Protein backbone atom coordinates (compact mmCIF):
# COMPACT_ATOMS: atom_id res chain seq x y z
CA MET A 1 -0.88 -70.00 -52.07
CA ASN A 2 1.47 -72.51 -52.82
CA PRO A 3 -0.06 -74.96 -55.20
CA SER A 4 -0.18 -78.83 -54.82
CA ALA A 5 0.09 -81.49 -57.49
CA GLN A 6 -3.67 -82.20 -56.86
CA ASP A 7 -4.89 -78.88 -57.26
CA LEU A 8 -7.62 -78.85 -60.12
CA ILE A 9 -6.95 -75.15 -61.24
CA VAL A 10 -3.70 -73.31 -61.34
CA LEU A 11 -2.10 -70.01 -62.24
CA ARG A 12 -0.25 -69.95 -65.28
CA PRO A 13 1.05 -67.03 -67.36
CA GLU A 14 -1.80 -67.13 -69.90
CA GLY A 15 -4.56 -67.68 -67.28
CA LEU A 16 -5.99 -70.22 -65.06
CA PHE A 17 -5.01 -73.80 -66.12
CA CYS A 18 -6.76 -76.92 -65.39
CA PRO A 19 -3.65 -79.60 -65.56
CA PRO A 20 -5.66 -82.58 -65.50
CA GLY A 21 -8.29 -81.51 -68.28
CA ASN A 22 -5.75 -79.60 -70.20
CA PHE A 23 -7.86 -76.46 -70.73
CA PHE A 24 -7.62 -72.74 -69.49
CA ILE A 25 -10.53 -70.72 -67.98
CA ASP A 26 -10.86 -67.12 -69.37
CA PRO A 27 -6.96 -67.00 -70.26
CA TRP A 28 -5.51 -63.54 -71.42
CA ARG A 29 -3.13 -64.80 -73.56
CA PRO A 30 -3.96 -67.15 -76.62
CA VAL A 31 -4.36 -70.76 -75.83
CA HIS A 32 -5.41 -73.82 -77.55
CA ARG A 33 -8.59 -74.61 -75.52
CA ALA A 34 -10.50 -72.03 -73.53
CA VAL A 35 -13.54 -72.33 -71.21
CA ILE A 36 -15.05 -68.68 -71.13
CA THR A 37 -17.22 -67.59 -68.15
CA HIS A 38 -18.75 -64.66 -69.92
CA ALA A 39 -18.32 -62.11 -72.88
CA HIS A 40 -16.78 -59.24 -71.33
CA ALA A 41 -13.59 -58.35 -72.95
CA ASP A 42 -11.18 -58.91 -70.17
CA HIS A 43 -12.43 -62.47 -69.79
CA ALA A 44 -13.07 -63.28 -73.60
CA ARG A 45 -10.29 -62.46 -75.85
CA ARG A 46 -9.40 -63.20 -79.49
CA GLY A 47 -7.02 -65.63 -80.46
CA HIS A 48 -7.74 -69.13 -78.81
CA GLY A 49 -7.83 -72.10 -80.87
CA ALA A 50 -11.57 -73.57 -79.23
CA TYR A 51 -13.86 -72.12 -77.09
CA LEU A 52 -16.42 -73.62 -74.73
CA ALA A 53 -19.24 -71.40 -73.41
CA THR A 54 -22.88 -70.99 -72.40
CA ALA A 55 -25.15 -71.86 -75.49
CA ILE A 56 -27.02 -68.41 -74.61
CA SER A 57 -23.64 -66.52 -74.78
CA GLU A 58 -23.11 -67.31 -78.39
CA GLY A 59 -24.55 -64.40 -79.88
CA VAL A 60 -22.56 -61.67 -77.84
CA LEU A 61 -19.42 -63.80 -78.20
CA ARG A 62 -19.69 -63.78 -81.88
CA ALA A 63 -20.65 -60.09 -82.05
CA ARG A 64 -17.40 -59.00 -79.78
CA LEU A 65 -14.91 -62.06 -81.22
CA GLY A 66 -15.89 -62.66 -84.77
CA ASN A 67 -15.64 -66.03 -86.57
CA ILE A 68 -14.68 -68.37 -83.61
CA THR A 69 -14.70 -72.17 -83.14
CA LEU A 70 -17.33 -72.31 -80.26
CA GLN A 71 -19.09 -75.02 -78.40
CA GLY A 72 -22.03 -73.99 -76.54
CA LEU A 73 -23.52 -75.60 -73.39
CA ALA A 74 -26.89 -75.37 -71.52
CA TYR A 75 -26.51 -74.50 -67.95
CA GLY A 76 -25.76 -77.84 -65.95
CA GLU A 77 -24.95 -79.80 -69.32
CA VAL A 78 -22.01 -81.90 -68.70
CA VAL A 79 -19.00 -82.50 -70.93
CA HIS A 80 -15.57 -84.56 -70.02
CA ILE A 81 -12.44 -83.03 -71.37
CA ASP A 82 -9.37 -85.34 -71.01
CA GLY A 83 -11.45 -87.19 -68.33
CA VAL A 84 -12.24 -84.17 -66.29
CA GLN A 85 -16.23 -83.48 -65.91
CA VAL A 86 -17.02 -79.93 -66.80
CA SER A 87 -20.28 -77.93 -66.49
CA LEU A 88 -21.31 -74.46 -66.24
CA HIS A 89 -23.75 -72.69 -63.99
CA PRO A 90 -25.58 -69.30 -63.74
CA ALA A 91 -23.60 -66.58 -62.49
CA GLY A 92 -25.95 -63.62 -62.66
CA HIS A 93 -23.43 -61.50 -63.74
CA VAL A 94 -24.45 -60.37 -67.52
CA LEU A 95 -26.05 -62.64 -70.29
CA GLY A 96 -24.80 -66.00 -70.65
CA SER A 97 -22.23 -65.68 -67.62
CA ALA A 98 -21.29 -68.72 -66.02
CA GLN A 99 -19.37 -70.65 -63.06
CA VAL A 100 -17.21 -73.42 -64.34
CA ARG A 101 -17.49 -76.38 -62.31
CA VAL A 102 -14.60 -79.04 -62.72
CA GLU A 103 -14.74 -82.40 -61.10
CA HIS A 104 -11.88 -85.02 -61.27
CA GLN A 105 -10.99 -87.91 -58.91
CA GLY A 106 -13.58 -86.89 -56.52
CA GLN A 107 -12.68 -83.33 -56.30
CA VAL A 108 -14.73 -80.65 -57.28
CA TRP A 109 -13.17 -76.75 -57.95
CA VAL A 110 -15.56 -73.93 -59.11
CA ALA A 111 -14.31 -70.89 -60.94
CA SER A 112 -16.76 -68.22 -60.42
CA GLY A 113 -15.77 -65.76 -63.00
CA ASP A 114 -17.66 -62.28 -62.27
CA TYR A 115 -21.04 -62.82 -60.39
CA PHE A 116 -23.90 -60.78 -58.90
CA THR A 117 -25.62 -61.56 -55.73
CA SER A 118 -26.19 -59.26 -52.79
CA GLY A 119 -27.29 -58.75 -49.25
CA HIS A 120 -30.84 -58.59 -50.43
CA THR A 121 -31.56 -62.14 -50.80
CA THR A 122 -34.44 -61.12 -53.36
CA ASP A 123 -32.51 -59.16 -55.79
CA SER A 124 -31.22 -60.69 -59.12
CA ASN A 125 -30.20 -59.42 -62.51
CA SER A 126 -33.45 -59.45 -64.30
CA THR A 127 -31.61 -59.90 -68.12
CA CYS A 128 -29.59 -63.26 -67.06
CA ALA A 129 -30.06 -66.20 -65.17
CA PRO A 130 -29.51 -65.44 -61.51
CA PHE A 131 -26.67 -66.74 -59.36
CA GLU A 132 -26.70 -70.44 -58.20
CA PRO A 133 -24.37 -71.66 -55.73
CA VAL A 134 -22.45 -74.61 -56.64
CA PRO A 135 -21.09 -76.99 -53.90
CA CYS A 136 -17.47 -77.48 -54.12
CA HIS A 137 -14.29 -78.51 -52.22
CA CYS A 138 -12.44 -75.15 -53.56
CA PHE A 139 -14.18 -72.01 -54.84
CA ILE A 140 -12.34 -69.35 -56.81
CA THR A 141 -14.16 -66.08 -56.15
CA GLU A 142 -13.93 -62.42 -57.38
CA SER A 143 -13.53 -59.67 -55.15
CA THR A 144 -14.10 -56.71 -57.04
CA PHE A 145 -15.98 -55.24 -54.17
CA GLY A 146 -14.54 -57.00 -51.54
CA LEU A 147 -14.67 -54.17 -48.75
CA PRO A 148 -17.25 -53.87 -45.99
CA ILE A 149 -18.26 -50.25 -47.44
CA TYR A 150 -19.72 -51.70 -50.61
CA ARG A 151 -23.49 -52.66 -49.82
CA TRP A 152 -25.89 -52.11 -52.51
CA ARG A 153 -29.12 -50.83 -51.89
CA PRO A 154 -32.27 -52.48 -53.41
CA GLN A 155 -32.64 -52.40 -57.17
CA ALA A 156 -36.07 -51.22 -56.96
CA GLU A 157 -34.73 -48.49 -54.87
CA VAL A 158 -31.93 -47.34 -57.25
CA MET A 159 -34.28 -47.78 -60.39
CA ALA A 160 -36.93 -45.47 -58.89
CA GLN A 161 -33.84 -42.92 -58.41
CA VAL A 162 -33.23 -43.23 -62.06
CA ASN A 163 -36.83 -42.72 -63.15
CA ALA A 164 -37.12 -39.79 -60.70
CA TRP A 165 -34.00 -38.17 -62.43
CA TRP A 166 -35.43 -38.99 -66.03
CA GLN A 167 -38.91 -37.73 -65.18
CA GLY A 168 -37.32 -34.48 -63.85
CA ASN A 169 -35.35 -33.95 -66.68
CA ALA A 170 -38.05 -34.57 -69.19
CA ASP A 171 -40.56 -32.36 -67.10
CA THR A 172 -37.98 -29.39 -67.75
CA GLY A 173 -37.27 -30.27 -71.61
CA ARG A 174 -33.72 -31.34 -70.90
CA PRO A 175 -32.41 -35.10 -72.50
CA SER A 176 -31.10 -37.31 -70.10
CA LEU A 177 -27.87 -39.05 -70.90
CA LEU A 178 -27.31 -42.27 -68.84
CA LEU A 179 -23.91 -43.85 -68.93
CA GLY A 180 -23.43 -47.50 -68.22
CA TYR A 181 -21.05 -50.38 -70.06
CA SER A 182 -22.20 -51.24 -73.15
CA PHE A 183 -22.66 -55.29 -72.57
CA GLY A 184 -24.65 -55.86 -69.38
CA LYS A 185 -25.10 -52.78 -67.62
CA ALA A 186 -27.15 -50.68 -70.60
CA GLN A 187 -29.54 -53.58 -70.92
CA ARG A 188 -29.84 -53.81 -67.17
CA LEU A 189 -30.79 -50.31 -66.91
CA LEU A 190 -33.11 -50.58 -70.04
CA ALA A 191 -34.93 -53.15 -68.47
CA GLY A 192 -35.49 -51.50 -65.46
CA VAL A 193 -36.77 -48.12 -66.34
CA ASP A 194 -39.91 -46.55 -66.61
CA PRO A 195 -40.76 -46.51 -70.49
CA SER A 196 -43.81 -44.26 -70.18
CA ILE A 197 -41.54 -41.43 -69.25
CA GLY A 198 -40.39 -40.64 -72.85
CA PRO A 199 -38.68 -41.97 -75.54
CA MET A 200 -35.24 -43.95 -75.71
CA ALA A 201 -32.17 -44.08 -77.65
CA VAL A 202 -29.07 -46.12 -77.43
CA HIS A 203 -25.42 -45.40 -78.68
CA GLY A 204 -24.37 -47.62 -81.55
CA ALA A 205 -21.98 -49.50 -79.29
CA VAL A 206 -25.15 -50.91 -77.37
CA ALA A 207 -27.34 -51.51 -80.18
CA PRO A 208 -26.08 -54.78 -81.53
CA LEU A 209 -25.80 -56.22 -77.89
CA ASN A 210 -29.30 -55.38 -77.30
CA ASP A 211 -30.18 -57.22 -80.41
CA ALA A 212 -28.37 -60.21 -79.10
CA TYR A 213 -30.06 -60.20 -75.78
CA ARG A 214 -33.26 -59.80 -77.63
CA ALA A 215 -32.39 -62.78 -79.76
CA ALA A 216 -32.01 -64.71 -76.41
CA GLY A 217 -35.39 -64.05 -75.24
CA VAL A 218 -34.51 -61.37 -73.00
CA PRO A 219 -37.38 -58.49 -73.10
CA LEU A 220 -35.94 -54.97 -73.57
CA PRO A 221 -38.16 -52.14 -74.47
CA PRO A 222 -37.59 -50.42 -77.69
CA THR A 223 -35.28 -47.99 -78.37
CA GLN A 224 -34.28 -45.81 -81.33
CA THR A 225 -30.91 -44.11 -82.76
CA LEU A 226 -30.11 -40.37 -81.53
CA GLU A 227 -30.73 -39.05 -85.25
CA GLU A 228 -34.36 -40.62 -85.14
CA LEU A 229 -34.74 -38.96 -82.07
CA LYS A 230 -33.49 -35.87 -83.18
CA THR A 231 -35.94 -35.97 -86.40
CA ALA A 232 -38.81 -36.45 -84.40
CA SER A 233 -38.10 -33.58 -82.15
CA ALA A 234 -38.39 -35.82 -79.27
CA LEU A 235 -34.92 -35.41 -77.75
CA GLN A 236 -36.05 -33.17 -74.82
CA ARG A 237 -38.06 -36.03 -72.88
CA ALA A 238 -35.60 -38.92 -73.98
CA LEU A 239 -33.43 -41.25 -71.92
CA VAL A 240 -30.15 -41.84 -73.84
CA VAL A 241 -27.84 -44.98 -72.85
CA ALA A 242 -24.31 -44.78 -73.69
CA PRO A 243 -20.86 -46.09 -72.81
CA PRO A 244 -18.76 -44.11 -70.66
CA SER A 245 -16.21 -43.21 -73.27
CA VAL A 246 -19.01 -40.70 -74.91
CA LEU A 247 -18.53 -38.19 -72.36
CA GLY A 248 -17.44 -35.00 -73.35
CA SER A 249 -17.41 -36.39 -76.94
CA ALA A 250 -19.02 -34.68 -80.16
CA TRP A 251 -21.39 -37.41 -80.20
CA ALA A 252 -22.72 -36.39 -76.87
CA ARG A 253 -22.57 -32.73 -77.65
CA GLN A 254 -25.51 -33.67 -79.95
CA LEU A 255 -27.69 -33.93 -76.89
CA GLY A 256 -27.07 -30.08 -76.24
CA ASP A 257 -27.87 -29.07 -72.58
CA CYS A 258 -28.79 -32.80 -71.17
CA SER A 259 -28.14 -33.71 -67.63
CA ASP A 260 -25.44 -36.78 -67.48
CA ALA A 261 -25.41 -39.47 -64.96
CA PHE A 262 -23.31 -42.63 -64.46
CA ALA A 263 -24.71 -45.95 -63.15
CA SER A 264 -21.67 -47.97 -61.51
CA GLY A 265 -21.01 -50.03 -58.31
CA TRP A 266 -18.06 -47.25 -58.08
CA MET A 267 -20.44 -44.45 -57.22
CA GLN A 268 -20.71 -45.90 -53.84
CA LEU A 269 -17.37 -44.38 -53.31
CA ARG A 270 -17.03 -40.77 -52.05
CA GLY A 271 -15.87 -38.46 -55.00
CA ALA A 272 -16.31 -41.12 -57.68
CA ARG A 273 -19.28 -39.05 -59.25
CA ARG A 274 -17.22 -35.85 -59.20
CA ARG A 275 -14.10 -37.38 -60.33
CA GLN A 276 -16.23 -38.40 -63.72
CA GLY A 277 -17.86 -34.91 -63.93
CA VAL A 278 -21.50 -35.83 -64.10
CA ASP A 279 -24.50 -34.59 -62.40
CA ARG A 280 -25.76 -37.94 -60.95
CA GLY A 281 -24.09 -41.13 -59.84
CA PHE A 282 -26.39 -44.19 -59.39
CA VAL A 283 -25.14 -47.25 -57.33
CA LEU A 284 -25.97 -50.03 -59.48
CA SER A 285 -23.36 -52.86 -59.98
CA ASP A 286 -23.31 -56.22 -61.70
CA HIS A 287 -21.07 -57.50 -59.32
CA ALA A 288 -21.91 -59.12 -55.67
CA ASP A 289 -21.38 -56.57 -52.79
CA TRP A 290 -19.52 -57.37 -49.62
CA PRO A 291 -22.60 -59.31 -48.21
CA GLY A 292 -22.91 -61.03 -51.19
CA LEU A 293 -19.54 -62.30 -51.65
CA GLN A 294 -20.03 -63.62 -48.00
CA ARG A 295 -23.36 -65.38 -48.73
CA ALA A 296 -21.99 -66.85 -51.93
CA ILE A 297 -18.84 -68.30 -50.58
CA ALA A 298 -20.51 -69.85 -47.78
CA ALA A 299 -23.63 -71.46 -50.02
CA THR A 300 -20.66 -73.42 -51.92
CA GLY A 301 -19.43 -74.94 -48.66
CA ALA A 302 -16.04 -74.68 -49.58
CA SER A 303 -13.25 -75.39 -47.16
CA ARG A 304 -10.77 -73.65 -49.60
CA VAL A 305 -11.20 -70.04 -51.16
CA ILE A 306 -8.67 -68.66 -53.67
CA VAL A 307 -9.40 -64.69 -54.65
CA THR A 308 -8.89 -63.07 -57.69
CA HIS A 309 -9.08 -59.38 -59.02
CA GLY A 310 -10.26 -56.95 -56.73
CA TYR A 311 -9.42 -56.41 -53.04
CA GLU A 312 -7.72 -59.66 -52.65
CA ALA A 313 -5.89 -59.11 -49.29
CA VAL A 314 -9.02 -57.85 -47.51
CA MET A 315 -11.05 -60.70 -48.58
CA VAL A 316 -8.32 -63.40 -47.68
CA ARG A 317 -7.67 -61.99 -44.53
CA TRP A 318 -11.35 -62.15 -43.66
CA LEU A 319 -11.76 -65.81 -44.92
CA GLN A 320 -8.85 -67.26 -42.98
CA GLN A 321 -10.38 -65.33 -39.91
CA GLN A 322 -13.48 -67.41 -40.51
CA GLY A 323 -11.56 -70.64 -40.27
CA LEU A 324 -11.19 -71.30 -44.17
CA GLN A 325 -7.93 -72.04 -46.06
CA ALA A 326 -7.55 -68.90 -48.36
CA GLY A 327 -4.91 -67.50 -50.95
CA SER A 328 -5.35 -65.42 -54.18
CA PHE A 329 -4.56 -65.67 -57.58
CA GLN A 330 -2.95 -62.19 -59.02
CA THR A 331 -4.93 -62.20 -62.55
CA GLU A 332 -4.86 -59.96 -65.72
CA TYR A 333 -8.41 -59.46 -65.41
CA GLY A 334 -9.70 -55.93 -66.01
CA ASP A 335 -9.45 -54.88 -69.66
CA GLU A 336 -12.94 -54.28 -70.65
CA GLN A 337 -12.27 -50.74 -71.67
CA ALA A 338 -10.35 -52.16 -74.64
CA LEU A 339 -13.84 -52.41 -76.25
CA ASP A 340 -15.68 -49.97 -74.33
CA ALA A 341 -12.72 -47.30 -73.71
CA PRO A 342 -12.56 -45.72 -70.25
CA VAL A 343 -12.88 -47.62 -66.88
CA GLU A 344 -16.36 -46.87 -65.05
CA ALA A 345 -14.73 -45.48 -62.26
CA ALA A 346 -11.26 -45.37 -60.34
CA GLY A 347 -10.95 -48.75 -58.25
CA PRO A 348 -8.53 -51.50 -57.41
CA THR A 349 -8.86 -52.89 -60.88
CA ALA A 350 -10.31 -51.78 -64.14
CA SER A 351 -13.43 -54.50 -64.04
CA VAL A 352 -16.47 -53.37 -64.97
CA ALA A 353 -18.97 -52.78 -62.34
């Protein structure tokens, strides 16, 4: 896509850049001023001079990035940066995730970051504010699951599958190891399972993020450490939530004869569970599915759409067939595993699902 002099957001080597406001959005190289959509490691990186993000994401951002210069905004709160009006709006992806609305000289652009909405209009992520469409002239959308094969089942149905798997293991005295990304997926799983089945434990990478969620007012069931479960001889009925990096590790071997499972949107792919080498795969993603992407884009009313990280070419072609002006940005998003080890599964990018 050829940029024009009036474009509010352009692609620079450092990341997405707003020329009139002189700031970047989720830059992947150090910059003087960064607006951050959410705290996943491929969108929120160390080394920027100043950070602007949602106030509710402060705990997670500081837990991951350390001592940063951070200005927090409430959803919908407006600030002016060098004459550009900027506000943050719910994306439904993880705690504090936001779309960035940029307005200047009558033009409105929205950079979505990562967002969750699906073809099931009543589904939302209970651990964060739900996605809200923001009217705009140009919408920059992710396309992690931008193929027609990606259509999520209702969340209640997926969580019922997880509970049935856990219950079956507990009845036979086998611990259940449930793998999911430490930030976002782990908390969504904990919030959705049935705590009456047995005790729950989390990996050390998950525990501080649970604390940040609880501090932000998100209710999560109580969890223990693996050592506490072993001491109480309660391991046989336990659900243990951990990042994918523990698979095959000495830490995981402490569970003995356990059943393991992976929760990810990539589990929709035939063969993905086999490649991961786990007993079960649950299709649960914090990204929009194909119908969700279509619905979100249409709700913005945008006549121009820029597609990022994922199946860009497929989404751009579909958008053009709908009569929209569409192109793509080739971004460097997809390094969440730098803080959480392996990618959840093979896909077009390393974006956490």
